[in-house]
Structure formats: structure tokens, C-alpha cells
N, C-alpha and C. Protein backbone atom coordinates (compact mmCIF):
# COMPACT_ATOMS: atom_id res chain seq x y z
N MET A 1 0.83 -1.19 0.00
CA MET A 1 0.02 0.01 0.00
C MET A 1 0.88 1.24 0.00
N PHE A 2 0.33 2.37 -0.42
CA PHE A 2 1.10 3.60 -0.52
C PHE A 2 1.23 4.26 0.85
N MET A 3 2.41 4.82 1.12
CA MET A 3 2.67 5.50 2.38
C MET A 3 1.90 6.82 2.41
N LEU A 4 1.40 7.17 3.57
CA LEU A 4 0.65 8.41 3.72
C LEU A 4 1.58 9.59 3.99
N THR A 5 1.26 10.70 3.36
CA THR A 5 1.98 11.96 3.60
C THR A 5 0.98 13.08 3.85
N MET A 6 1.46 14.29 3.97
CA MET A 6 0.56 15.43 4.15
C MET A 6 -0.07 15.87 2.84
N GLY A 7 0.00 15.04 1.83
CA GLY A 7 -0.64 15.33 0.55
C GLY A 7 -2.15 15.17 0.62
N PRO A 8 -2.85 15.16 -0.51
CA PRO A 8 -4.31 15.15 -0.51
C PRO A 8 -4.96 13.81 -0.32
N GLY A 9 -4.62 13.06 0.71
CA GLY A 9 -5.25 11.76 0.98
C GLY A 9 -6.54 11.96 1.78
N THR A 10 -7.37 10.92 1.80
CA THR A 10 -8.69 11.00 2.47
C THR A 10 -8.91 9.84 3.39
N ASN A 11 -9.42 10.14 4.60
CA ASN A 11 -9.83 9.10 5.57
C ASN A 11 -11.36 9.13 5.64
N LEU A 12 -11.99 7.96 5.62
CA LEU A 12 -13.43 7.91 5.68
C LEU A 12 -13.85 6.93 6.79
N ALA A 13 -14.86 7.36 7.56
CA ALA A 13 -15.44 6.50 8.59
C ALA A 13 -16.95 6.52 8.44
N TYR A 14 -17.57 5.35 8.42
CA TYR A 14 -19.02 5.24 8.30
C TYR A 14 -19.46 3.97 9.01
N PRO A 15 -20.46 3.97 9.81
CA PRO A 15 -21.35 5.08 10.19
C PRO A 15 -20.80 5.83 11.38
N ASP A 16 -20.95 7.14 11.38
CA ASP A 16 -20.66 7.99 12.48
C ASP A 16 -21.97 8.40 13.11
N ILE A 17 -22.31 7.79 14.23
CA ILE A 17 -23.62 8.01 14.83
C ILE A 17 -23.58 9.22 15.79
N CYS A 18 -24.31 10.24 15.47
CA CYS A 18 -24.36 11.47 16.24
C CYS A 18 -25.79 11.75 16.69
N GLU A 19 -25.94 12.62 17.67
CA GLU A 19 -27.28 12.98 18.17
C GLU A 19 -27.73 14.30 17.57
N MET A 20 -29.01 14.44 17.38
CA MET A 20 -29.63 15.72 16.96
C MET A 20 -31.03 15.77 17.47
N TYR A 21 -31.55 17.00 17.55
CA TYR A 21 -32.93 17.16 17.99
C TYR A 21 -33.90 16.81 16.91
N VAL A 22 -34.95 16.05 17.30
CA VAL A 22 -36.07 15.76 16.43
C VAL A 22 -37.30 16.14 17.26
N GLY A 23 -37.86 17.31 16.94
CA GLY A 23 -38.95 17.79 17.78
C GLY A 23 -38.41 18.21 19.15
N GLU A 24 -38.96 17.66 20.18
CA GLU A 24 -38.51 17.99 21.53
C GLU A 24 -37.55 16.96 22.12
N SER A 25 -37.28 15.91 21.41
CA SER A 25 -36.36 14.87 21.95
C SER A 25 -35.15 14.74 21.06
N THR A 26 -34.18 14.01 21.53
CA THR A 26 -32.99 13.76 20.72
C THR A 26 -33.06 12.40 20.05
N SER A 27 -32.42 12.28 18.93
CA SER A 27 -32.44 11.03 18.18
C SER A 27 -31.08 10.81 17.56
N PRO A 28 -30.57 9.57 17.52
CA PRO A 28 -29.33 9.30 16.84
C PRO A 28 -29.52 9.40 15.30
N THR A 29 -28.55 9.92 14.64
CA THR A 29 -28.58 10.01 13.20
C THR A 29 -27.26 9.51 12.64
N ILE A 30 -27.32 8.92 11.48
CA ILE A 30 -26.10 8.32 10.87
C ILE A 30 -25.52 9.32 9.89
N CYS A 31 -24.20 9.60 10.09
CA CYS A 31 -23.47 10.50 9.22
C CYS A 31 -22.23 9.74 8.72
N SER A 32 -21.62 10.32 7.68
CA SER A 32 -20.29 9.83 7.32
C SER A 32 -19.26 10.85 7.78
N ASN A 33 -18.06 10.42 8.09
CA ASN A 33 -17.04 11.31 8.62
C ASN A 33 -15.83 11.23 7.74
N THR A 34 -15.37 12.37 7.24
CA THR A 34 -14.26 12.44 6.32
C THR A 34 -13.17 13.34 6.89
N GLY A 35 -11.94 12.89 6.78
CA GLY A 35 -10.78 13.69 7.20
C GLY A 35 -9.76 13.68 6.06
N THR A 36 -8.94 14.68 6.00
CA THR A 36 -7.88 14.73 4.99
C THR A 36 -6.51 14.66 5.64
N SER A 37 -5.58 14.05 4.98
CA SER A 37 -4.25 13.94 5.53
C SER A 37 -3.49 15.27 5.44
N ALA A 38 -4.01 16.23 4.69
CA ALA A 38 -3.35 17.52 4.61
C ALA A 38 -3.42 18.33 5.89
N THR A 39 -4.38 17.96 6.77
CA THR A 39 -4.51 18.67 8.04
C THR A 39 -3.82 17.94 9.19
N THR A 40 -2.93 17.01 8.86
CA THR A 40 -2.29 16.19 9.89
C THR A 40 -1.06 16.87 10.50
N SER A 41 -0.98 16.78 11.81
CA SER A 41 0.19 17.29 12.55
C SER A 41 0.30 16.54 13.85
N PRO A 42 1.42 16.31 14.44
CA PRO A 42 2.77 16.47 13.88
C PRO A 42 3.09 15.29 12.93
N THR A 43 3.90 15.59 11.97
CA THR A 43 4.34 14.56 11.03
C THR A 43 5.85 14.41 11.17
N ALA A 44 6.41 13.52 10.39
CA ALA A 44 7.88 13.33 10.39
C ALA A 44 8.45 14.34 9.40
N TYR A 45 8.80 15.52 9.86
CA TYR A 45 9.25 16.58 8.96
C TYR A 45 10.60 16.33 8.34
N ASN A 46 11.36 15.37 8.89
CA ASN A 46 12.68 15.05 8.28
C ASN A 46 12.61 13.86 7.31
N VAL A 47 11.41 13.24 7.12
CA VAL A 47 11.23 12.18 6.15
C VAL A 47 10.25 12.68 5.12
N LEU A 48 10.75 12.96 3.91
CA LEU A 48 9.93 13.54 2.83
C LEU A 48 9.64 12.50 1.77
N VAL A 49 8.39 12.39 1.39
CA VAL A 49 7.97 11.52 0.27
C VAL A 49 7.23 12.38 -0.69
N ASP A 50 7.73 12.50 -1.93
CA ASP A 50 7.19 13.43 -2.94
C ASP A 50 7.11 14.84 -2.35
N CYS A 51 8.19 15.24 -1.67
CA CYS A 51 8.31 16.60 -1.09
C CYS A 51 7.29 16.90 -0.01
N MET A 52 6.63 15.89 0.54
CA MET A 52 5.69 16.08 1.65
C MET A 52 6.12 15.27 2.86
N PRO A 53 5.92 15.79 4.09
CA PRO A 53 6.29 15.03 5.28
C PRO A 53 5.46 13.76 5.40
N ALA A 54 6.12 12.68 5.86
CA ALA A 54 5.45 11.40 6.06
C ALA A 54 4.64 11.38 7.33
N ILE A 55 3.58 10.59 7.34
CA ILE A 55 2.70 10.45 8.53
C ILE A 55 3.01 9.18 9.25
N ASN A 56 3.13 9.29 10.57
CA ASN A 56 3.37 8.08 11.37
C ASN A 56 2.23 7.91 12.40
N GLN A 57 2.36 6.91 13.27
CA GLN A 57 1.28 6.57 14.16
C GLN A 57 1.00 7.64 15.22
N LEU A 58 1.94 8.52 15.51
CA LEU A 58 1.75 9.59 16.47
C LEU A 58 1.08 10.80 15.86
N SER A 59 0.87 10.81 14.55
CA SER A 59 0.24 11.95 13.88
C SER A 59 -1.25 12.00 14.16
N LEU A 60 -1.82 13.16 14.16
CA LEU A 60 -3.25 13.38 14.36
C LEU A 60 -3.81 14.27 13.28
N GLY A 61 -4.90 13.83 12.65
CA GLY A 61 -5.61 14.70 11.74
C GLY A 61 -6.36 15.70 12.58
N LEU A 62 -6.09 17.00 12.40
CA LEU A 62 -6.60 17.99 13.32
C LEU A 62 -8.09 18.24 13.21
N MET A 63 -8.70 17.89 12.07
CA MET A 63 -10.12 18.13 11.91
C MET A 63 -10.74 17.15 10.92
N SER A 64 -11.93 16.71 11.19
CA SER A 64 -12.70 15.90 10.25
C SER A 64 -14.01 16.62 10.00
N SER A 65 -14.68 16.21 8.94
CA SER A 65 -15.94 16.87 8.62
C SER A 65 -16.96 15.86 8.10
N GLY A 66 -18.20 16.31 7.90
CA GLY A 66 -19.22 15.45 7.37
C GLY A 66 -20.29 15.09 8.38
N ASP A 67 -20.04 15.31 9.66
CA ASP A 67 -21.02 14.95 10.67
C ASP A 67 -21.66 16.19 11.34
N GLU A 68 -21.70 17.28 10.62
CA GLU A 68 -22.24 18.51 11.17
C GLU A 68 -23.74 18.43 11.45
N SER A 69 -24.45 17.55 10.76
CA SER A 69 -25.89 17.42 11.01
C SER A 69 -26.19 16.85 12.39
N GLY A 70 -25.26 16.09 12.93
CA GLY A 70 -25.42 15.59 14.30
C GLY A 70 -24.82 16.57 15.29
N TYR A 71 -25.36 17.77 15.35
CA TYR A 71 -24.76 18.89 16.05
C TYR A 71 -24.71 18.72 17.58
N LEU A 72 -25.31 17.71 18.16
CA LEU A 72 -25.19 17.46 19.59
C LEU A 72 -23.99 16.61 19.92
N GLY A 73 -23.28 16.16 18.93
CA GLY A 73 -22.03 15.37 19.15
C GLY A 73 -22.24 13.88 18.91
N GLY A 74 -21.13 13.18 18.88
CA GLY A 74 -21.17 11.73 18.68
C GLY A 74 -21.70 10.99 19.88
N MET A 75 -22.23 9.79 19.66
CA MET A 75 -22.76 9.02 20.76
C MET A 75 -21.67 8.55 21.72
N VAL A 76 -20.47 8.33 21.26
CA VAL A 76 -19.38 7.85 22.12
C VAL A 76 -18.51 9.00 22.60
N SER A 77 -18.06 9.86 21.66
CA SER A 77 -17.09 10.87 22.02
C SER A 77 -17.73 12.24 22.32
N ALA A 78 -18.98 12.43 22.00
CA ALA A 78 -19.68 13.73 22.16
C ALA A 78 -19.01 14.84 21.42
N MET A 79 -18.40 14.54 20.26
CA MET A 79 -17.70 15.52 19.46
C MET A 79 -18.26 15.58 18.07
N VAL A 80 -18.12 16.77 17.46
CA VAL A 80 -18.44 17.00 16.06
C VAL A 80 -17.18 17.62 15.44
N ASP A 81 -16.78 17.19 14.25
CA ASP A 81 -15.60 17.66 13.57
C ASP A 81 -14.35 17.50 14.44
N GLY A 82 -14.19 16.36 15.08
CA GLY A 82 -13.07 16.10 15.95
C GLY A 82 -11.84 15.64 15.18
N GLN A 83 -10.83 15.21 15.94
CA GLN A 83 -9.57 14.79 15.37
C GLN A 83 -9.67 13.39 14.78
N THR A 84 -8.72 13.10 13.88
CA THR A 84 -8.55 11.73 13.34
C THR A 84 -7.29 11.16 13.95
N GLU A 85 -7.37 9.96 14.51
CA GLU A 85 -6.23 9.32 15.17
C GLU A 85 -5.87 8.08 14.34
N TYR A 86 -4.60 7.91 14.08
CA TYR A 86 -4.14 6.72 13.34
C TYR A 86 -3.89 5.59 14.36
N ILE A 87 -4.66 4.51 14.24
CA ILE A 87 -4.64 3.46 15.25
C ILE A 87 -3.65 2.37 14.93
N ILE A 88 -3.68 1.83 13.74
CA ILE A 88 -2.79 0.71 13.34
C ILE A 88 -2.04 1.11 12.07
N GLY A 89 -0.71 0.95 12.10
CA GLY A 89 0.12 1.27 10.96
C GLY A 89 0.92 0.11 10.48
N CYS A 90 1.93 0.36 9.70
CA CYS A 90 2.84 -0.65 9.15
C CYS A 90 3.97 -0.82 10.14
N THR A 91 3.98 -1.94 10.89
CA THR A 91 4.94 -2.11 11.96
C THR A 91 6.32 -2.54 11.45
N THR A 92 6.46 -2.88 10.17
CA THR A 92 7.75 -3.24 9.63
C THR A 92 8.52 -2.06 9.09
N ILE A 93 7.85 -0.94 8.89
CA ILE A 93 8.53 0.27 8.42
C ILE A 93 8.30 1.38 9.44
N LEU A 94 9.41 1.89 9.99
CA LEU A 94 9.33 2.92 11.01
C LEU A 94 9.72 4.27 10.43
N VAL A 95 8.95 5.30 10.75
CA VAL A 95 9.22 6.68 10.35
C VAL A 95 9.41 7.45 11.67
N ASP A 96 10.62 7.94 11.89
CA ASP A 96 10.99 8.60 13.15
C ASP A 96 10.81 7.65 14.33
N GLY A 97 11.06 6.36 14.11
CA GLY A 97 10.97 5.38 15.19
C GLY A 97 9.54 4.90 15.52
N VAL A 98 8.58 5.30 14.73
CA VAL A 98 7.17 5.00 14.96
C VAL A 98 6.63 4.34 13.69
N PRO A 99 5.66 3.38 13.78
CA PRO A 99 5.13 2.74 12.58
C PRO A 99 4.56 3.75 11.56
N ALA A 100 4.93 3.53 10.30
CA ALA A 100 4.43 4.38 9.20
C ALA A 100 2.94 4.11 8.98
N GLN A 101 2.27 5.10 8.42
CA GLN A 101 0.86 4.94 8.03
C GLN A 101 0.77 4.78 6.53
N ARG A 102 -0.22 4.03 6.10
CA ARG A 102 -0.36 3.73 4.69
C ARG A 102 -1.82 3.68 4.30
N LEU A 103 -2.07 3.57 3.01
CA LEU A 103 -3.41 3.41 2.48
C LEU A 103 -4.05 2.20 3.18
N THR A 104 -5.28 2.30 3.55
CA THR A 104 -6.07 1.30 4.31
C THR A 104 -5.68 1.16 5.77
N SER A 105 -4.86 2.09 6.30
CA SER A 105 -4.57 2.07 7.75
C SER A 105 -5.86 2.38 8.50
N VAL A 106 -5.99 1.77 9.67
CA VAL A 106 -7.20 1.97 10.50
C VAL A 106 -7.10 3.31 11.23
N THR A 107 -8.18 4.08 11.17
CA THR A 107 -8.25 5.35 11.89
C THR A 107 -9.42 5.36 12.88
N GLY A 108 -9.31 6.18 13.89
CA GLY A 108 -10.38 6.48 14.79
C GLY A 108 -10.75 7.91 14.58
N GLN A 109 -11.99 8.23 14.29
CA GLN A 109 -12.37 9.60 13.95
C GLN A 109 -13.30 10.19 14.99
N ASN A 110 -13.24 11.48 15.12
CA ASN A 110 -13.96 12.25 16.17
C ASN A 110 -13.47 11.87 17.53
N CYS A 111 -12.18 11.98 17.76
CA CYS A 111 -11.62 11.69 19.06
C CYS A 111 -10.63 12.80 19.42
N MET A 112 -10.51 13.05 20.68
CA MET A 112 -9.53 14.02 21.16
C MET A 112 -8.99 13.47 22.48
N GLY A 113 -8.13 12.47 22.40
CA GLY A 113 -7.60 11.84 23.57
C GLY A 113 -8.56 10.91 24.26
N VAL A 114 -9.75 10.68 23.66
CA VAL A 114 -10.73 9.77 24.22
C VAL A 114 -11.01 8.70 23.18
N SER A 115 -11.88 7.76 23.49
CA SER A 115 -12.17 6.73 22.52
C SER A 115 -12.88 7.35 21.29
N PRO A 116 -12.56 6.89 20.09
CA PRO A 116 -13.12 7.47 18.90
C PRO A 116 -14.64 7.17 18.77
N ASN A 117 -15.31 8.07 18.09
CA ASN A 117 -16.74 7.91 17.88
C ASN A 117 -17.00 6.84 16.84
N THR A 118 -16.13 6.71 15.87
CA THR A 118 -16.28 5.71 14.84
C THR A 118 -14.91 5.31 14.31
N VAL A 119 -14.86 4.13 13.72
CA VAL A 119 -13.57 3.60 13.17
C VAL A 119 -13.67 3.61 11.67
N GLY A 120 -12.62 4.09 11.02
CA GLY A 120 -12.60 4.16 9.57
C GLY A 120 -11.25 3.70 9.04
N ASN A 121 -10.94 4.10 7.81
CA ASN A 121 -9.64 3.83 7.23
C ASN A 121 -9.29 4.84 6.17
N CYS A 122 -8.05 4.80 5.70
CA CYS A 122 -7.57 5.71 4.65
C CYS A 122 -7.97 5.14 3.32
N LEU A 123 -8.74 5.88 2.54
CA LEU A 123 -9.28 5.36 1.28
C LEU A 123 -8.63 5.88 0.01
N SER A 124 -8.08 7.10 0.05
CA SER A 124 -7.40 7.60 -1.15
C SER A 124 -5.97 7.97 -0.79
N PRO A 125 -5.02 7.67 -1.65
CA PRO A 125 -3.63 7.88 -1.31
C PRO A 125 -3.24 9.35 -1.39
N SER A 126 -2.23 9.73 -0.61
CA SER A 126 -1.70 11.09 -0.67
C SER A 126 -0.51 11.17 -1.64
N GLN A 127 0.01 10.05 -2.04
CA GLN A 127 1.06 10.00 -3.07
C GLN A 127 1.06 8.56 -3.64
N VAL A 128 1.62 8.38 -4.84
CA VAL A 128 1.58 7.07 -5.49
C VAL A 128 2.98 6.62 -5.91
N THR A 129 4.01 7.05 -5.17
CA THR A 129 5.38 6.72 -5.50
C THR A 129 5.99 5.67 -4.59
N VAL A 130 5.80 5.80 -3.29
CA VAL A 130 6.47 4.94 -2.29
C VAL A 130 5.45 3.95 -1.73
N LEU A 131 5.79 2.64 -1.80
CA LEU A 131 4.95 1.60 -1.26
C LEU A 131 5.52 1.16 0.11
N THR A 132 4.59 0.84 1.03
CA THR A 132 4.98 0.26 2.32
C THR A 132 4.46 -1.17 2.36
N LEU A 133 5.32 -2.08 2.01
CA LEU A 133 4.95 -3.50 1.98
C LEU A 133 5.44 -4.18 3.20
N GLY A 134 4.60 -4.95 3.85
CA GLY A 134 5.06 -5.69 5.02
C GLY A 134 4.07 -5.67 6.13
């Protein structure tokens, strides 16, 4: 799979179950949650792939979108437009001593140091030059 960088990659998580008002009560609603790797920080600034810093397991996507209709927050994390956390990476390739992230890496979305509201993965590559096999 292709290594992730701060290029235009996309993370998708579905279903992202959030709460919203329906009349006088609240109801869970299903949303999709999308994050981009371009908003990721901190990255490995000394490891460049296609002139972009590489993403490792300590990196966080600073913002995700797509679940704004559930404006009362997620059922688990109580967040809307939260961070994207990279959960599982490529353990055979280390970037700055930490597992590298690649296409199809597992992500937790809408989390900020707490358990993620939904689990997703990286669906579109941020570069197509370097493969992380292993």
C-alpha cells in the first residue's frame, strides 16, 4: 500500500452516529465522517515523500468533517468535527521510530484523547510513488 503523507489523501469512517434534536427529543442520526491527511500534525518533517512530510502513528488529523448534521455530538465521544487518530500502521517500516501509516490504515475519527466515535480507514492515497509493503 502507498505511504501516507501530508498530501491530498482522504480518511473515511461510516457510520458515524451522532445525536440531533427531532422535535422535543434527541435522536441518533447516521453520518459519514471524512478527514484529509493535509490537516495532519505532527508529522515526520525530516522524512519527505514526494516533497511532503510522512505520517506516522503519532500523527493526528486535526479536523474531520461530514457529521455537522449531528450537532449534539457523537454518541461515544460527544464531538463533532473532531480529530482523526491513526490506530494501526505498518509495523515493519518505522518513520521517526514509529510505525508508518499507509493506505487502508485503520483510523479512529472524532476523538480528542478519548475513545473514537467511529472507526474508519484511509481510502485515497496522498502519493503514489512509495509503497510500504510488510
